[in-house]
Full PDB file with SEQRES, HELIX, SHEET, SSBOND, CRYST1, ORIGX, SCALE, CONECT and MASTER records, all heavy atoms in Angstrom:
SEQRES   1 A   32  LYS LEU ALA LYS LYS VAL GLY THR MET GLN ASP VAL LEU          
SEQRES   2 A   32  VAL ASP ASP ILE ASP ALA ASP GLY ILE ALA THR CYS ARG          
SEQRES   3 A   32  THR LYS ALA ASP ALA PRO                                      
HELIX    1 AA1 ALA A    3  LYS A    5  5                                   3    
SHEET    1 AA1 2 VAL A  12  ILE A  17  0                                        
SHEET    2 AA1 2 ALA A  23  THR A  27 -1                                        
CRYST1    1.000    1.000    1.000  90.00  90.00  90.00 P 1           1          
ORIGX1      1.000000  0.000000  0.000000        0.00000                         
ORIGX2      0.000000  1.000000  0.000000        0.00000                         
ORIGX3      0.000000  0.000000  1.000000        0.00000                         
SCALE1      1.000000  0.000000  0.000000        0.00000                         
SCALE2      0.000000  1.000000  0.000000        0.00000                         
SCALE3      0.000000  0.000000  1.000000        0.00000                         
ATOM      1  N   LYS A   1     -13.431  -7.409   3.339  1.00  0.00           N  
ATOM      2  CA  LYS A   1     -12.936  -7.261   1.971  1.00  0.00           C  
ATOM      3  C   LYS A   1     -11.405  -7.221   1.928  1.00  0.00           C  
ATOM      4  O   LYS A   1     -10.776  -7.826   1.047  1.00  0.00           O  
ATOM      5  CB  LYS A   1     -13.518  -5.989   1.343  1.00  0.00           C  
ATOM      6  CG  LYS A   1     -14.945  -6.162   0.832  1.00  0.00           C  
ATOM      7  CD  LYS A   1     -15.437  -4.892   0.188  1.00  0.00           C  
ATOM      8  CE  LYS A   1     -16.642  -5.180  -0.691  1.00  0.00           C  
ATOM      9  NZ  LYS A   1     -16.290  -5.841  -1.955  1.00  0.00           N  
ATOM     10  N   LEU A   2     -10.810  -6.504   2.865  1.00  0.00           N  
ATOM     11  CA  LEU A   2      -9.356  -6.417   2.876  1.00  0.00           C  
ATOM     12  C   LEU A   2      -8.715  -7.752   3.237  1.00  0.00           C  
ATOM     13  O   LEU A   2      -7.625  -8.084   2.741  1.00  0.00           O  
ATOM     14  CB  LEU A   2      -8.895  -5.330   3.838  1.00  0.00           C  
ATOM     15  CG  LEU A   2      -9.223  -3.890   3.438  1.00  0.00           C  
ATOM     16  CD1 LEU A   2      -8.647  -2.912   4.440  1.00  0.00           C  
ATOM     17  CD2 LEU A   2      -8.705  -3.565   2.045  1.00  0.00           C  
ATOM     18  N   ALA A   3      -9.372  -8.529   4.094  1.00  0.00           N  
ATOM     19  CA  ALA A   3      -8.828  -9.835   4.468  1.00  0.00           C  
ATOM     20  C   ALA A   3      -8.678 -10.732   3.234  1.00  0.00           C  
ATOM     21  O   ALA A   3      -7.749 -11.556   3.159  1.00  0.00           O  
ATOM     22  CB  ALA A   3      -9.722 -10.496   5.511  1.00  0.00           C  
ATOM     23  N   LYS A   4      -9.570 -10.577   2.266  1.00  0.00           N  
ATOM     24  CA  LYS A   4      -9.504 -11.386   1.053  1.00  0.00           C  
ATOM     25  C   LYS A   4      -8.316 -11.015   0.165  1.00  0.00           C  
ATOM     26  O   LYS A   4      -7.982 -11.753  -0.770  1.00  0.00           O  
ATOM     27  CB  LYS A   4     -10.799 -11.247   0.264  1.00  0.00           C  
ATOM     28  CG  LYS A   4     -12.014 -11.846   0.965  1.00  0.00           C  
ATOM     29  CD  LYS A   4     -13.286 -11.651   0.145  1.00  0.00           C  
ATOM     30  CE  LYS A   4     -14.500 -12.220   0.859  1.00  0.00           C  
ATOM     31  NZ  LYS A   4     -15.754 -12.010   0.080  1.00  0.00           N  
ATOM     32  N   LYS A   5      -7.700  -9.865   0.434  1.00  0.00           N  
ATOM     33  CA  LYS A   5      -6.553  -9.442  -0.372  1.00  0.00           C  
ATOM     34  C   LYS A   5      -5.230 -10.010   0.126  1.00  0.00           C  
ATOM     35  O   LYS A   5      -4.205  -9.870  -0.546  1.00  0.00           O  
ATOM     36  CB  LYS A   5      -6.486  -7.910  -0.417  1.00  0.00           C  
ATOM     37  CG  LYS A   5      -7.660  -7.288  -1.160  1.00  0.00           C  
ATOM     38  CD  LYS A   5      -7.480  -5.794  -1.379  1.00  0.00           C  
ATOM     39  CE  LYS A   5      -8.634  -5.224  -2.194  1.00  0.00           C  
ATOM     40  NZ  LYS A   5      -8.457  -3.784  -2.493  1.00  0.00           N  
ATOM     41  N   VAL A   6      -5.231 -10.618   1.311  1.00  0.00           N  
ATOM     42  CA  VAL A   6      -4.001 -11.227   1.826  1.00  0.00           C  
ATOM     43  C   VAL A   6      -3.575 -12.336   0.868  1.00  0.00           C  
ATOM     44  O   VAL A   6      -4.371 -13.186   0.477  1.00  0.00           O  
ATOM     45  CB  VAL A   6      -4.209 -11.783   3.246  1.00  0.00           C  
ATOM     46  CG1 VAL A   6      -2.974 -12.543   3.707  1.00  0.00           C  
ATOM     47  CG2 VAL A   6      -4.519 -10.646   4.212  1.00  0.00           C  
ATOM     48  N   GLY A   7      -2.309 -12.302   0.470  1.00  0.00           N  
ATOM     49  CA  GLY A   7      -1.778 -13.266  -0.478  1.00  0.00           C  
ATOM     50  C   GLY A   7      -1.839 -12.821  -1.922  1.00  0.00           C  
ATOM     51  O   GLY A   7      -1.260 -13.471  -2.798  1.00  0.00           O  
ATOM     52  N   THR A   8      -2.509 -11.709  -2.189  1.00  0.00           N  
ATOM     53  CA  THR A   8      -2.592 -11.215  -3.565  1.00  0.00           C  
ATOM     54  C   THR A   8      -1.427 -10.282  -3.876  1.00  0.00           C  
ATOM     55  O   THR A   8      -0.775  -9.754  -2.981  1.00  0.00           O  
ATOM     56  CB  THR A   8      -3.906 -10.452  -3.809  1.00  0.00           C  
ATOM     57  OG1 THR A   8      -3.938  -9.262  -2.996  1.00  0.00           O  
ATOM     58  CG2 THR A   8      -5.100 -11.328  -3.465  1.00  0.00           C  
ATOM     59  N   MET A   9      -1.189 -10.081  -5.162  1.00  0.00           N  
ATOM     60  CA  MET A   9      -0.178  -9.143  -5.621  1.00  0.00           C  
ATOM     61  C   MET A   9      -0.873  -7.836  -5.979  1.00  0.00           C  
ATOM     62  O   MET A   9      -1.887  -7.838  -6.676  1.00  0.00           O  
ATOM     63  CB  MET A   9       0.566  -9.696  -6.830  1.00  0.00           C  
ATOM     64  CG  MET A   9       1.087 -11.119  -6.640  1.00  0.00           C  
ATOM     65  SD  MET A   9       2.288 -11.251  -5.293  1.00  0.00           S  
ATOM     66  CE  MET A   9       3.697 -10.457  -6.050  1.00  0.00           C  
ATOM     67  N   GLN A  10      -0.317  -6.717  -5.499  1.00  0.00           N  
ATOM     68  CA  GLN A  10      -0.917  -5.409  -5.726  1.00  0.00           C  
ATOM     69  C   GLN A  10       0.132  -4.436  -6.250  1.00  0.00           C  
ATOM     70  O   GLN A  10       1.250  -4.377  -5.734  1.00  0.00           O  
ATOM     71  CB  GLN A  10      -1.506  -4.848  -4.420  1.00  0.00           C  
ATOM     72  CG  GLN A  10      -2.578  -5.704  -3.789  1.00  0.00           C  
ATOM     73  CD  GLN A  10      -3.891  -5.641  -4.544  1.00  0.00           C  
ATOM     74  OE1 GLN A  10      -4.207  -4.629  -5.173  1.00  0.00           O  
ATOM     75  NE2 GLN A  10      -4.665  -6.708  -4.477  1.00  0.00           N  
ATOM     76  N   ASP A  11      -0.232  -3.678  -7.286  1.00  0.00           N  
ATOM     77  CA  ASP A  11       0.601  -2.555  -7.718  1.00  0.00           C  
ATOM     78  C   ASP A  11       0.310  -1.380  -6.795  1.00  0.00           C  
ATOM     79  O   ASP A  11      -0.860  -1.046  -6.561  1.00  0.00           O  
ATOM     80  CB  ASP A  11       0.279  -2.163  -9.156  1.00  0.00           C  
ATOM     81  CG  ASP A  11       0.643  -3.255 -10.145  1.00  0.00           C  
ATOM     82  OD1 ASP A  11       1.615  -3.979  -9.894  1.00  0.00           O  
ATOM     83  OD2 ASP A  11      -0.062  -3.385 -11.169  1.00  0.00           O  
ATOM     84  N   VAL A  12       1.362  -0.767  -6.257  1.00  0.00           N  
ATOM     85  CA  VAL A  12       1.169   0.329  -5.304  1.00  0.00           C  
ATOM     86  C   VAL A  12       2.029   1.531  -5.697  1.00  0.00           C  
ATOM     87  O   VAL A  12       3.070   1.394  -6.335  1.00  0.00           O  
ATOM     88  CB  VAL A  12       1.497  -0.092  -3.851  1.00  0.00           C  
ATOM     89  CG1 VAL A  12       0.657  -1.284  -3.431  1.00  0.00           C  
ATOM     90  CG2 VAL A  12       2.977  -0.382  -3.672  1.00  0.00           C  
ATOM     91  N   LEU A  13       1.564   2.708  -5.296  1.00  0.00           N  
ATOM     92  CA  LEU A  13       2.273   3.965  -5.497  1.00  0.00           C  
ATOM     93  C   LEU A  13       2.798   4.429  -4.148  1.00  0.00           C  
ATOM     94  O   LEU A  13       2.037   4.519  -3.177  1.00  0.00           O  
ATOM     95  CB  LEU A  13       1.309   4.992  -6.082  1.00  0.00           C  
ATOM     96  CG  LEU A  13       1.852   6.338  -6.567  1.00  0.00           C  
ATOM     97  CD1 LEU A  13       2.897   6.145  -7.648  1.00  0.00           C  
ATOM     98  CD2 LEU A  13       0.690   7.186  -7.099  1.00  0.00           C  
ATOM     99  N   VAL A  14       4.088   4.707  -4.066  1.00  0.00           N  
ATOM    100  CA  VAL A  14       4.715   5.085  -2.799  1.00  0.00           C  
ATOM    101  C   VAL A  14       4.464   6.566  -2.536  1.00  0.00           C  
ATOM    102  O   VAL A  14       4.877   7.430  -3.310  1.00  0.00           O  
ATOM    103  CB  VAL A  14       6.237   4.804  -2.821  1.00  0.00           C  
ATOM    104  CG1 VAL A  14       6.868   5.206  -1.484  1.00  0.00           C  
ATOM    105  CG2 VAL A  14       6.504   3.333  -3.113  1.00  0.00           C  
ATOM    106  N   ASP A  15       3.789   6.862  -1.420  1.00  0.00           N  
ATOM    107  CA  ASP A  15       3.461   8.243  -1.057  1.00  0.00           C  
ATOM    108  C   ASP A  15       4.462   8.845  -0.081  1.00  0.00           C  
ATOM    109  O   ASP A  15       4.668  10.061  -0.067  1.00  0.00           O  
ATOM    110  CB  ASP A  15       2.072   8.317  -0.417  1.00  0.00           C  
ATOM    111  CG  ASP A  15       0.953   8.356  -1.443  1.00  0.00           C  
ATOM    112  OD1 ASP A  15       1.234   8.623  -2.622  1.00  0.00           O  
ATOM    113  OD2 ASP A  15      -0.208   8.116  -1.062  1.00  0.00           O  
ATOM    114  N   ASP A  16       5.081   8.017   0.763  1.00  0.00           N  
ATOM    115  CA  ASP A  16       5.954   8.563   1.803  1.00  0.00           C  
ATOM    116  C   ASP A  16       6.855   7.452   2.327  1.00  0.00           C  
ATOM    117  O   ASP A  16       6.474   6.273   2.323  1.00  0.00           O  
ATOM    118  CB  ASP A  16       5.113   9.142   2.949  1.00  0.00           C  
ATOM    119  CG  ASP A  16       5.970   9.811   4.015  1.00  0.00           C  
ATOM    120  OD1 ASP A  16       6.686  10.766   3.674  1.00  0.00           O  
ATOM    121  OD2 ASP A  16       5.940   9.351   5.176  1.00  0.00           O  
ATOM    122  N   ILE A  17       8.040   7.835   2.758  1.00  0.00           N  
ATOM    123  CA  ILE A  17       8.947   6.908   3.448  1.00  0.00           C  
ATOM    124  C   ILE A  17       9.456   7.632   4.684  1.00  0.00           C  
ATOM    125  O   ILE A  17      10.090   8.689   4.576  1.00  0.00           O  
ATOM    126  CB  ILE A  17      10.127   6.481   2.559  1.00  0.00           C  
ATOM    127  CG1 ILE A  17       9.617   5.824   1.263  1.00  0.00           C  
ATOM    128  CG2 ILE A  17      11.045   5.508   3.314  1.00  0.00           C  
ATOM    129  CD1 ILE A  17      10.706   5.508   0.257  1.00  0.00           C  
ATOM    130  N   ASP A  18       9.159   7.103   5.870  1.00  0.00           N  
ATOM    131  CA  ASP A  18       9.508   7.820   7.089  1.00  0.00           C  
ATOM    132  C   ASP A  18      10.938   7.523   7.528  1.00  0.00           C  
ATOM    133  O   ASP A  18      11.673   6.756   6.879  1.00  0.00           O  
ATOM    134  CB  ASP A  18       8.497   7.533   8.208  1.00  0.00           C  
ATOM    135  CG  ASP A  18       8.551   6.103   8.725  1.00  0.00           C  
ATOM    136  OD1 ASP A  18       9.544   5.387   8.464  1.00  0.00           O  
ATOM    137  OD2 ASP A  18       7.591   5.701   9.417  1.00  0.00           O  
ATOM    138  N   ALA A  19      11.347   8.132   8.630  1.00  0.00           N  
ATOM    139  CA  ALA A  19      12.728   8.019   9.103  1.00  0.00           C  
ATOM    140  C   ALA A  19      13.096   6.588   9.467  1.00  0.00           C  
ATOM    141  O   ALA A  19      14.281   6.221   9.466  1.00  0.00           O  
ATOM    142  CB  ALA A  19      12.934   8.935  10.309  1.00  0.00           C  
ATOM    143  N   ASP A  20      12.111   5.770   9.784  1.00  0.00           N  
ATOM    144  CA  ASP A  20      12.363   4.368  10.127  1.00  0.00           C  
ATOM    145  C   ASP A  20      12.332   3.456   8.909  1.00  0.00           C  
ATOM    146  O   ASP A  20      12.450   2.237   9.040  1.00  0.00           O  
ATOM    147  CB  ASP A  20      11.326   3.879  11.148  1.00  0.00           C  
ATOM    148  CG  ASP A  20      11.426   4.619  12.477  1.00  0.00           C  
ATOM    149  OD1 ASP A  20      12.564   4.917  12.892  1.00  0.00           O  
ATOM    150  OD2 ASP A  20      10.377   4.908  13.071  1.00  0.00           O  
ATOM    151  N   GLY A  21      12.167   4.036   7.733  1.00  0.00           N  
ATOM    152  CA  GLY A  21      12.156   3.237   6.519  1.00  0.00           C  
ATOM    153  C   GLY A  21      10.820   2.601   6.201  1.00  0.00           C  
ATOM    154  O   GLY A  21      10.736   1.767   5.292  1.00  0.00           O  
ATOM    155  N   ILE A  22       9.763   2.974   6.918  1.00  0.00           N  
ATOM    156  CA  ILE A  22       8.437   2.425   6.627  1.00  0.00           C  
ATOM    157  C   ILE A  22       7.808   3.217   5.487  1.00  0.00           C  
ATOM    158  O   ILE A  22       7.681   4.441   5.561  1.00  0.00           O  
ATOM    159  CB  ILE A  22       7.538   2.461   7.872  1.00  0.00           C  
ATOM    160  CG1 ILE A  22       8.132   1.583   8.981  1.00  0.00           C  
ATOM    161  CG2 ILE A  22       6.122   1.996   7.537  1.00  0.00           C  
ATOM    162  CD1 ILE A  22       7.384   1.649  10.284  1.00  0.00           C  
ATOM    163  N   ALA A  23       7.429   2.512   4.434  1.00  0.00           N  
ATOM    164  CA  ALA A  23       6.852   3.142   3.253  1.00  0.00           C  
ATOM    165  C   ALA A  23       5.331   3.121   3.340  1.00  0.00           C  
ATOM    166  O   ALA A  23       4.732   2.077   3.586  1.00  0.00           O  
ATOM    167  CB  ALA A  23       7.309   2.430   1.986  1.00  0.00           C  
ATOM    168  N   THR A  24       4.731   4.293   3.172  1.00  0.00           N  
ATOM    169  CA  THR A  24       3.279   4.409   3.093  1.00  0.00           C  
ATOM    170  C   THR A  24       2.902   4.465   1.621  1.00  0.00           C  
ATOM    171  O   THR A  24       3.348   5.355   0.896  1.00  0.00           O  
ATOM    172  CB  THR A  24       2.785   5.679   3.802  1.00  0.00           C  
ATOM    173  OG1 THR A  24       3.168   5.630   5.173  1.00  0.00           O  
ATOM    174  CG2 THR A  24       1.263   5.787   3.724  1.00  0.00           C  
ATOM    175  N   CYS A  25       2.079   3.520   1.199  1.00  0.00           N  
ATOM    176  CA  CYS A  25       1.746   3.378  -0.210  1.00  0.00           C  
ATOM    177  C   CYS A  25       0.227   3.320  -0.386  1.00  0.00           C  
ATOM    178  O   CYS A  25      -0.519   3.204   0.578  1.00  0.00           O  
ATOM    179  CB  CYS A  25       2.356   2.086  -0.779  1.00  0.00           C  
ATOM    180  SG  CYS A  25       4.083   1.793  -0.341  1.00  0.00           S  
ATOM    181  N   ARG A  26      -0.190   3.374  -1.633  1.00  0.00           N  
ATOM    182  CA  ARG A  26      -1.600   3.208  -1.971  1.00  0.00           C  
ATOM    183  C   ARG A  26      -1.744   2.230  -3.121  1.00  0.00           C  
ATOM    184  O   ARG A  26      -0.971   2.267  -4.079  1.00  0.00           O  
ATOM    185  CB  ARG A  26      -2.239   4.541  -2.364  1.00  0.00           C  
ATOM    186  CG  ARG A  26      -2.452   5.499  -1.221  1.00  0.00           C  
ATOM    187  CD  ARG A  26      -3.110   6.788  -1.671  1.00  0.00           C  
ATOM    188  NE  ARG A  26      -2.246   7.571  -2.552  1.00  0.00           N  
ATOM    189  CZ  ARG A  26      -2.439   7.729  -3.846  1.00  0.00           C  
ATOM    190  NH1 ARG A  26      -3.471   7.152  -4.451  1.00  0.00           N  
ATOM    191  NH2 ARG A  26      -1.608   8.468  -4.562  1.00  0.00           N  
ATOM    192  N   THR A  27      -2.746   1.364  -3.029  1.00  0.00           N  
ATOM    193  CA  THR A  27      -3.087   0.493  -4.137  1.00  0.00           C  
ATOM    194  C   THR A  27      -3.996   1.255  -5.100  1.00  0.00           C  
ATOM    195  O   THR A  27      -4.389   2.393  -4.844  1.00  0.00           O  
ATOM    196  CB  THR A  27      -3.815  -0.774  -3.655  1.00  0.00           C  
ATOM    197  OG1 THR A  27      -5.146  -0.421  -3.230  1.00  0.00           O  
ATOM    198  CG2 THR A  27      -3.083  -1.422  -2.483  1.00  0.00           C  
ATOM    199  N   LYS A  28      -4.361   0.606  -6.188  1.00  0.00           N  
ATOM    200  CA  LYS A  28      -5.291   1.228  -7.133  1.00  0.00           C  
ATOM    201  C   LYS A  28      -6.654   1.486  -6.491  1.00  0.00           C  
ATOM    202  O   LYS A  28      -7.433   2.291  -7.003  1.00  0.00           O  
ATOM    203  CB  LYS A  28      -5.454   0.336  -8.364  1.00  0.00           C  
ATOM    204  CG  LYS A  28      -4.188   0.214  -9.201  1.00  0.00           C  
ATOM    205  CD  LYS A  28      -4.390  -0.712 -10.389  1.00  0.00           C  
ATOM    206  CE  LYS A  28      -3.110  -0.799 -11.222  1.00  0.00           C  
ATOM    207  NZ  LYS A  28      -3.262  -1.714 -12.391  1.00  0.00           N  
ATOM    208  N   ALA A  29      -6.923   0.823  -5.371  1.00  0.00           N  
ATOM    209  CA  ALA A  29      -8.213   0.971  -4.685  1.00  0.00           C  
ATOM    210  C   ALA A  29      -8.229   2.116  -3.685  1.00  0.00           C  
ATOM    211  O   ALA A  29      -9.245   2.308  -3.010  1.00  0.00           O  
ATOM    212  CB  ALA A  29      -8.556  -0.340  -3.967  1.00  0.00           C  
ATOM    213  N   ASP A  30      -7.144   2.880  -3.594  1.00  0.00           N  
ATOM    214  CA  ASP A  30      -7.024   3.880  -2.528  1.00  0.00           C  
ATOM    215  C   ASP A  30      -6.710   5.263  -3.087  1.00  0.00           C  
ATOM    216  O   ASP A  30      -5.633   5.484  -3.649  1.00  0.00           O  
ATOM    217  CB  ASP A  30      -5.913   3.484  -1.553  1.00  0.00           C  
ATOM    218  CG  ASP A  30      -6.139   2.111  -0.958  1.00  0.00           C  
ATOM    219  OD1 ASP A  30      -7.219   1.900  -0.384  1.00  0.00           O  
ATOM    220  OD2 ASP A  30      -5.250   1.243  -1.076  1.00  0.00           O  
ATOM    221  N   ALA A  31      -7.628   6.208  -2.875  1.00  0.00           N  
ATOM    222  CA  ALA A  31      -7.358   7.608  -3.197  1.00  0.00           C  
ATOM    223  C   ALA A  31      -6.600   8.251  -2.048  1.00  0.00           C  
ATOM    224  O   ALA A  31      -6.749   7.837  -0.888  1.00  0.00           O  
ATOM    225  CB  ALA A  31      -8.669   8.353  -3.435  1.00  0.00           C  
ATOM    226  N   PRO A  32      -5.762   9.263  -2.331  1.00  0.00           N  
ATOM    227  CA  PRO A  32      -4.974   9.878  -1.259  1.00  0.00           C  
ATOM    228  C   PRO A  32      -5.839  10.541  -0.204  1.00  0.00           C  
ATOM    229  O   PRO A  32      -6.863  11.158  -0.511  1.00  0.00           O  
ATOM    230  CB  PRO A  32      -4.098  10.908  -1.999  1.00  0.00           C  
ATOM    231  CG  PRO A  32      -4.741  11.109  -3.327  1.00  0.00           C  
ATOM    232  CD  PRO A  32      -5.456   9.846  -3.645  1.00  0.00           C  
TER     233      PRO A  32                                                      
MASTER        0    0    0    1    2    0    0    6  232    1    0    3          
END                                                                             
């Protein structure tokens, strides 16, 4: 199912940004 999302546009909510600048986010399909 996730493979089918490659190439799609997703609205995401940013939950965290670590010291290396990597942002952990969630799509509308993901509860925390």
